[in-house]
Amino acid sequence: MTDTELVEVTELDDSPARRYGHPVTSSRGQTVLHAPREQWRATAEALFADNWTMLVDITAVDFLTYKPARKLPDGVTAERFEVVASFVRFDTGERIRMRTQVPGSDPKVDSLYAIYPGSDYQERETFDMFGIVFDGHPDLSRILMPEEWEGHPLRKDFAQGVIPVQFKAPQNGGAGS
């Protein structure tokens, strides 16, 4: 995003960069923690232990066709997908976002379900729409599309308009008849 800026970290501060050991940026007034994919779950566990007890949302972004190159902090390599989770602390009302880069050749991250059970449908929706697998999820099945649906509609390379959609005729004199 164009409004992302790097945040300086001093030796004595207790910022997320120091606490969690990952690069931190600010985007639209929110702190953004850039966790490596291999540390996605461990970072979420640390956030939970630090009273970030509400997971607000999990989603993904497909950057397949995104131009120009994204601004990411040093040490973070851009990948095709980015999985994003947003958290809230009830005691302070603060918000923090955690992002991780996910390669298109291996689209998976660890599930946060064991830490945040409310992630159940959000992880399933992200799987259904983007094809990102959440390892360890107890029921990673489609939630929006029919089970027999092929592909993931929010991927940038998903062929649009090639599958005919049939609508049922209204019954019992319903609207449109």
Protein backbone atom coordinates (compact mmCIF):
# COMPACT_ATOMS: atom_id res chain seq x y z
CA MET A 1 0.00 0.00 0.00
CA THR A 2 1.25 3.47 -0.70
CA ASP A 3 0.80 4.79 2.82
CA THR A 4 3.02 2.19 4.47
CA GLU A 5 6.00 3.55 6.32
CA LEU A 6 8.74 1.90 8.34
CA VAL A 7 8.68 2.49 12.08
CA GLU A 8 11.95 3.14 13.91
CA VAL A 9 12.65 0.98 16.95
CA THR A 10 14.77 2.25 19.83
CA GLU A 11 16.78 0.05 22.18
CA LEU A 12 14.49 0.52 25.17
CA ASP A 13 11.04 0.55 23.66
CA ASP A 14 8.46 -2.20 24.08
CA SER A 15 7.18 -2.01 20.52
CA PRO A 16 5.83 -5.01 18.62
CA ALA A 17 9.08 -5.14 16.61
CA ARG A 18 11.08 -5.64 19.78
CA ARG A 19 8.53 -7.93 21.47
CA TYR A 20 7.90 -10.28 18.55
CA GLY A 21 11.13 -9.94 16.59
CA HIS A 22 9.53 -9.19 13.22
CA PRO A 23 9.55 -6.07 11.05
CA VAL A 24 6.81 -3.57 11.82
CA THR A 25 5.22 -0.95 9.60
CA SER A 26 2.29 1.40 9.95
CA SER A 27 -0.58 1.39 7.48
CA ARG A 28 -3.58 3.69 7.71
CA GLY A 29 -2.82 4.32 11.38
CA GLN A 30 -2.57 0.65 12.31
CA THR A 31 0.50 -1.25 13.42
CA VAL A 32 1.38 -4.03 10.97
CA LEU A 33 3.54 -6.94 12.08
CA HIS A 34 5.25 -8.82 9.23
CA ALA A 35 5.67 -12.40 10.49
CA PRO A 36 7.49 -15.02 8.43
CA ARG A 37 5.19 -17.82 7.29
CA GLU A 38 7.10 -20.35 9.40
CA GLN A 39 6.38 -18.25 12.51
CA TRP A 40 2.75 -17.33 11.73
CA ARG A 41 1.24 -19.55 14.44
CA ALA A 42 3.95 -18.90 17.05
CA THR A 43 3.50 -15.15 16.57
CA ALA A 44 -0.28 -15.49 16.99
CA GLU A 45 0.32 -17.48 20.20
CA ALA A 46 2.58 -14.67 21.48
CA LEU A 47 -0.04 -12.07 20.56
CA PHE A 48 -2.71 -14.03 22.44
CA ALA A 49 -0.43 -14.32 25.49
CA ASP A 50 0.02 -10.53 25.37
CA ASN A 51 -3.76 -9.99 25.59
CA TRP A 52 -4.55 -9.66 21.87
CA THR A 53 -7.51 -11.92 22.59
CA MET A 54 -9.87 -11.02 19.75
CA LEU A 55 -9.18 -12.14 16.22
CA VAL A 56 -11.26 -9.81 14.07
CA ASP A 57 -10.56 -11.17 10.61
CA ILE A 58 -8.39 -13.42 8.47
CA THR A 59 -8.24 -12.94 4.73
CA ALA A 60 -5.79 -13.01 1.85
CA VAL A 61 -4.71 -10.87 -1.07
CA ASP A 62 -3.55 -12.21 -4.44
CA PHE A 63 -0.83 -9.94 -5.82
CA LEU A 64 -0.37 -11.90 -9.06
CA THR A 65 -1.10 -8.91 -11.31
CA TYR A 66 -0.14 -6.11 -8.90
CA LYS A 67 2.11 -3.41 -10.32
CA PRO A 68 4.31 -1.64 -9.21
CA ALA A 69 6.34 -3.64 -6.72
CA ARG A 70 4.95 -3.54 -3.18
CA LYS A 71 6.74 -1.70 -0.39
CA LEU A 72 7.75 -4.24 2.22
CA PRO A 73 10.25 -3.87 5.06
CA ASP A 74 13.82 -5.11 4.69
CA GLY A 75 14.03 -8.87 5.06
CA VAL A 76 10.48 -9.48 3.82
CA THR A 77 10.29 -10.97 0.33
CA ALA A 78 7.11 -10.38 -1.65
CA GLU A 79 5.20 -13.51 -2.65
CA ARG A 80 2.07 -14.02 -4.72
CA PHE A 81 -0.26 -14.20 -1.71
CA GLU A 82 -0.38 -12.33 1.55
CA VAL A 83 -2.44 -13.69 4.44
CA VAL A 84 -3.63 -10.98 6.81
CA ALA A 85 -5.05 -11.33 10.33
CA SER A 86 -6.38 -8.45 12.43
CA PHE A 87 -6.45 -8.48 16.24
CA VAL A 88 -7.84 -6.26 19.03
CA ARG A 89 -6.86 -5.83 22.68
CA PHE A 90 -9.96 -5.25 24.78
CA ASP A 91 -8.04 -3.65 27.66
CA THR A 92 -6.64 -0.84 25.49
CA GLY A 93 -8.76 -0.93 22.34
CA GLU A 94 -5.59 -1.15 20.24
CA ARG A 95 -5.53 -2.95 16.91
CA ILE A 96 -2.69 -4.77 15.23
CA ARG A 97 -2.49 -6.52 11.88
CA MET A 98 -0.26 -9.52 11.18
CA ARG A 99 0.76 -10.25 7.60
CA THR A 100 2.68 -13.12 6.11
CA GLN A 101 3.88 -13.78 2.57
CA VAL A 102 2.70 -17.05 1.00
CA PRO A 103 4.18 -18.38 -2.26
CA GLY A 104 1.84 -19.40 -5.07
CA SER A 105 3.76 -22.66 -5.46
CA ASP A 106 3.01 -23.70 -1.85
CA PRO A 107 -0.10 -21.80 -0.69
CA LYS A 108 -0.39 -22.81 2.94
CA VAL A 109 0.04 -21.46 6.47
CA ASP A 110 -0.63 -22.89 9.91
CA SER A 111 -4.20 -22.66 11.18
CA LEU A 112 -4.90 -20.33 14.10
CA TYR A 113 -8.01 -22.32 15.07
CA ALA A 114 -6.45 -23.87 18.21
CA ILE A 115 -5.63 -20.37 19.54
CA TYR A 116 -8.58 -18.43 18.12
CA PRO A 117 -11.54 -20.79 17.51
CA GLY A 118 -13.38 -17.88 15.87
CA SER A 119 -11.01 -18.25 12.92
CA ASP A 120 -12.94 -21.35 11.79
CA TYR A 121 -15.14 -19.81 9.09
CA GLN A 122 -12.60 -17.14 8.15
CA GLU A 123 -9.93 -19.72 7.36
CA ARG A 124 -12.47 -21.80 5.45
CA GLU A 125 -13.56 -18.77 3.43
CA THR A 126 -9.94 -17.87 2.62
CA PHE A 127 -9.33 -21.48 1.57
CA ASP A 128 -12.50 -21.52 -0.54
CA MET A 129 -11.86 -18.22 -2.32
CA PHE A 130 -8.03 -18.26 -2.63
CA GLY A 131 -7.03 -21.92 -2.25
CA ILE A 132 -4.74 -21.21 0.70
CA VAL A 133 -4.53 -24.27 2.95
CA PHE A 134 -4.58 -23.75 6.72
CA ASP A 135 -2.58 -26.66 8.14
CA GLY A 136 -4.18 -28.11 11.26
CA HIS A 137 -7.68 -26.75 10.65
CA PRO A 138 -10.23 -29.34 11.86
CA ASP A 139 -12.61 -29.01 8.87
CA LEU A 140 -11.01 -27.19 5.96
CA SER A 141 -13.90 -27.58 3.54
CA ARG A 142 -15.65 -25.15 1.23
CA ILE A 143 -17.97 -22.71 2.93
CA LEU A 144 -19.25 -20.44 0.13
CA MET A 145 -18.91 -22.43 -3.08
CA PRO A 146 -20.45 -25.85 -3.78
CA GLU A 147 -18.21 -28.78 -2.83
CA GLU A 148 -17.89 -29.84 -6.49
CA TRP A 149 -16.75 -26.34 -7.57
CA GLU A 150 -13.36 -26.33 -9.28
CA GLY A 151 -10.95 -23.50 -8.62
CA HIS A 152 -10.85 -20.52 -6.28
CA PRO A 153 -12.81 -17.48 -7.51
CA LEU A 154 -10.73 -14.70 -5.89
CA ARG A 155 -7.46 -15.80 -7.46
CA LYS A 156 -6.36 -13.36 -10.14
CA ASP A 157 -5.88 -16.21 -12.63
CA PHE A 158 -9.38 -17.68 -12.12
CA ALA A 159 -11.20 -17.79 -15.47
CA GLN A 160 -14.29 -15.61 -15.16
CA GLY A 161 -17.47 -15.91 -17.15
CA VAL A 162 -16.86 -19.41 -18.50
CA ILE A 163 -19.18 -21.27 -16.13
CA PRO A 164 -22.87 -20.85 -16.93
CA VAL A 165 -25.01 -20.06 -13.91
CA GLN A 166 -28.56 -21.35 -13.87
CA PHE A 167 -31.24 -19.64 -11.83
CA LYS A 168 -34.32 -21.43 -10.63
CA ALA A 169 -37.64 -20.16 -11.91
CA PRO A 170 -39.73 -18.49 -9.20
CA GLN A 171 -42.32 -20.78 -7.69
CA ASN A 172 -45.80 -20.03 -6.38
CA GLY A 173 -46.09 -16.70 -8.19
CA GLY A 174 -42.99 -15.26 -6.55
CA ALA A 175 -41.28 -12.07 -7.62
CA GLY A 176 -40.23 -12.06 -11.26
CA SER A 177 -43.02 -14.33 -12.51
